[in-house]
Amino acid sequence: GSGGADGVSSAAGGVEVLRSEGLIVRIALSGGGVVGGSCVAILCYGNDASTPVSNLAAQVAVPKHLRMQLGPPSDTCLPPEPLPGFGPTLPPITQTLRLAQVGRPPYKPLKVRLRLAYEREGKHIVEEATIGPESFGQGMV
């Protein structure tokens, strides 16, 4: 990508939160972004490798000040990327993540731990990423 730093256009395509062994995870906010310390986010899992991904399963953990609801993924398999290194060019797997504050204002920052398990070429791979406030557009305080 070209380093376009105006948060609006980059938020539309989401923020990259994990890139490992050809698996690329982005998070994008739907609707009006973060409202009242809560949001609906879309997790997008893409493949940038010439081998397919299967049995993709995500787990999400949040701190005590947040409640979360993780919807079902749109799929659990990603086909091989036809242009490895230039992808993902194919549609990603998407999964909805709802985050809500448990307490009342002042709201604490949004923070999520993502644990992703999948298989590639018969290998079982587990990746973890911390998605911090800046990925939710909360960096500008």
Protein backbone atom coordinates (compact mmCIF):
# COMPACT_ATOMS: atom_id res chain seq x y z
CA GLY A 1 0.00 0.00 0.00
CA SER A 2 0.91 3.64 -0.41
CA GLY A 3 1.23 5.21 3.02
CA GLY A 4 -1.93 7.29 2.89
CA ALA A 5 -2.16 8.60 6.43
CA ASP A 6 -5.64 10.12 6.26
CA GLY A 7 -7.51 7.78 8.58
CA VAL A 8 -10.72 7.76 6.54
CA SER A 9 -9.64 5.91 3.41
CA SER A 10 -7.41 3.48 5.31
CA ALA A 11 -10.22 2.64 7.72
CA ALA A 12 -12.48 1.75 4.80
CA GLY A 13 -10.13 -1.05 3.79
CA GLY A 14 -9.35 -1.82 7.39
CA VAL A 15 -6.13 -1.95 9.37
CA GLU A 16 -3.70 -4.83 9.05
CA VAL A 17 -3.28 -6.51 12.43
CA LEU A 18 -1.48 -9.73 11.53
CA ARG A 19 0.63 -10.97 8.64
CA SER A 20 2.26 -14.36 8.97
CA GLU A 21 3.16 -17.13 6.53
CA GLY A 22 0.86 -15.72 3.88
CA LEU A 23 -2.12 -15.20 6.16
CA ILE A 24 -3.20 -11.58 6.39
CA VAL A 25 -5.74 -10.34 8.94
CA ARG A 26 -7.34 -6.91 8.75
CA ILE A 27 -9.93 -5.27 10.97
CA ALA A 28 -12.43 -2.73 9.65
CA LEU A 29 -15.07 -0.79 11.55
CA SER A 30 -18.57 -0.87 10.17
CA GLY A 31 -21.12 1.89 10.50
CA GLY A 32 -20.09 4.96 12.45
CA GLY A 33 -16.90 3.56 13.94
CA VAL A 34 -16.58 3.62 17.72
CA VAL A 35 -19.67 5.07 19.38
CA GLY A 36 -19.98 5.29 23.15
CA GLY A 37 -16.90 3.13 23.53
CA SER A 38 -18.57 0.33 21.54
CA CYS A 39 -18.30 -0.77 17.93
CA VAL A 40 -19.04 -3.39 15.33
CA ALA A 41 -15.85 -4.55 13.62
CA ILE A 42 -15.34 -6.86 10.67
CA LEU A 43 -12.37 -9.23 10.81
CA CYS A 44 -11.09 -10.07 7.32
CA TYR A 45 -8.82 -13.06 6.75
CA GLY A 46 -6.97 -13.16 3.45
CA ASN A 47 -4.49 -15.55 1.84
CA ASP A 48 -1.35 -14.29 0.08
CA ALA A 49 0.31 -17.67 -0.46
CA SER A 50 0.18 -20.21 -3.27
CA THR A 51 -1.17 -22.90 -0.90
CA PRO A 52 -4.72 -22.99 0.48
CA VAL A 53 -5.78 -22.39 4.08
CA SER A 54 -8.28 -24.71 5.75
CA ASN A 55 -10.00 -25.19 9.12
CA LEU A 56 -9.62 -21.53 10.01
CA ALA A 57 -10.96 -20.82 13.50
CA ALA A 58 -10.68 -17.61 15.48
CA GLN A 59 -10.91 -17.06 19.21
CA VAL A 60 -11.15 -13.62 20.76
CA ALA A 61 -10.42 -12.53 24.32
CA VAL A 62 -11.16 -9.08 25.74
CA PRO A 63 -10.32 -7.34 29.04
CA LYS A 64 -12.90 -7.25 31.82
CA HIS A 65 -14.22 -3.80 30.86
CA LEU A 66 -15.44 -5.12 27.50
CA ARG A 67 -18.15 -7.51 26.38
CA MET A 68 -17.70 -9.17 23.03
CA GLN A 69 -19.75 -11.21 20.62
CA LEU A 70 -18.01 -13.03 17.79
CA GLY A 71 -20.21 -14.06 14.89
CA PRO A 72 -19.65 -17.12 12.69
CA PRO A 73 -17.02 -16.80 9.93
CA SER A 74 -18.23 -16.57 6.34
CA ASP A 75 -16.04 -19.60 5.55
CA THR A 76 -13.23 -21.67 7.05
CA CYS A 77 -11.15 -22.20 3.90
CA LEU A 78 -9.18 -19.82 1.68
CA PRO A 79 -8.17 -20.89 -1.84
CA PRO A 80 -4.57 -20.43 -3.07
CA GLU A 81 -3.63 -16.88 -4.06
CA PRO A 82 -3.06 -16.69 -7.87
CA LEU A 83 -0.56 -13.82 -7.42
CA PRO A 84 1.43 -14.65 -4.28
CA GLY A 85 3.11 -11.56 -2.89
CA PHE A 86 0.58 -9.24 -4.51
CA GLY A 87 -2.50 -10.50 -2.72
CA PRO A 88 -4.78 -11.13 -1.27
CA THR A 89 -6.63 -10.53 -4.54
CA LEU A 90 -9.44 -12.98 -3.75
CA PRO A 91 -12.35 -12.13 -1.41
CA PRO A 92 -11.44 -12.66 2.25
CA ILE A 93 -13.24 -14.63 4.91
CA THR A 94 -15.16 -12.16 7.04
CA GLN A 95 -16.30 -12.41 10.65
CA THR A 96 -18.24 -9.87 12.69
CA LEU A 97 -16.98 -8.84 16.11
CA ARG A 98 -19.18 -6.71 18.37
CA LEU A 99 -17.54 -4.91 21.28
CA ALA A 100 -19.41 -3.12 24.05
CA GLN A 101 -18.32 -1.41 27.26
CA VAL A 102 -19.48 -3.03 30.48
CA GLY A 103 -19.18 0.08 32.66
CA ARG A 104 -20.17 3.70 32.19
CA PRO A 105 -18.03 6.63 31.00
CA PRO A 106 -15.21 7.45 30.90
CA TYR A 107 -14.83 4.47 28.59
CA LYS A 108 -11.64 2.49 28.48
CA PRO A 109 -9.78 1.81 25.22
CA LEU A 110 -10.82 -1.06 22.96
CA LYS A 111 -8.37 -3.94 23.05
CA VAL A 112 -8.71 -7.48 21.71
CA ARG A 113 -6.51 -10.57 21.74
CA LEU A 114 -7.00 -12.64 18.61
CA ARG A 115 -6.00 -16.29 18.46
CA LEU A 116 -6.18 -17.85 15.03
CA ALA A 117 -5.77 -21.53 14.28
CA TYR A 118 -5.63 -22.92 10.75
CA GLU A 119 -4.04 -25.58 8.58
CA ARG A 120 -1.75 -25.14 5.61
CA GLU A 121 -0.10 -28.05 3.76
CA GLY A 122 -1.04 -30.41 6.58
CA LYS A 123 0.60 -28.23 9.23
CA HIS A 124 -1.44 -26.94 12.15
CA ILE A 125 -0.60 -23.27 12.73
CA VAL A 126 -1.63 -21.03 15.59
CA GLU A 127 -1.10 -17.26 15.44
CA GLU A 128 -1.83 -14.64 18.07
CA ALA A 129 -2.18 -10.91 17.72
CA THR A 130 -3.12 -8.06 20.02
CA ILE A 131 -5.43 -5.55 18.39
CA GLY A 132 -4.97 -2.30 20.26
CA PRO A 133 -6.86 1.03 20.37
CA GLU A 134 -5.00 2.42 17.35
CA SER A 135 -6.54 -0.31 15.15
CA PHE A 136 -9.96 0.98 16.17
CA GLY A 137 -9.02 4.54 15.22
CA GLN A 138 -8.59 5.51 18.86
CA GLY A 139 -4.96 6.55 18.48
CA MET A 140 -5.83 10.23 18.22
CA VAL A 141 -6.45 11.15 21.85
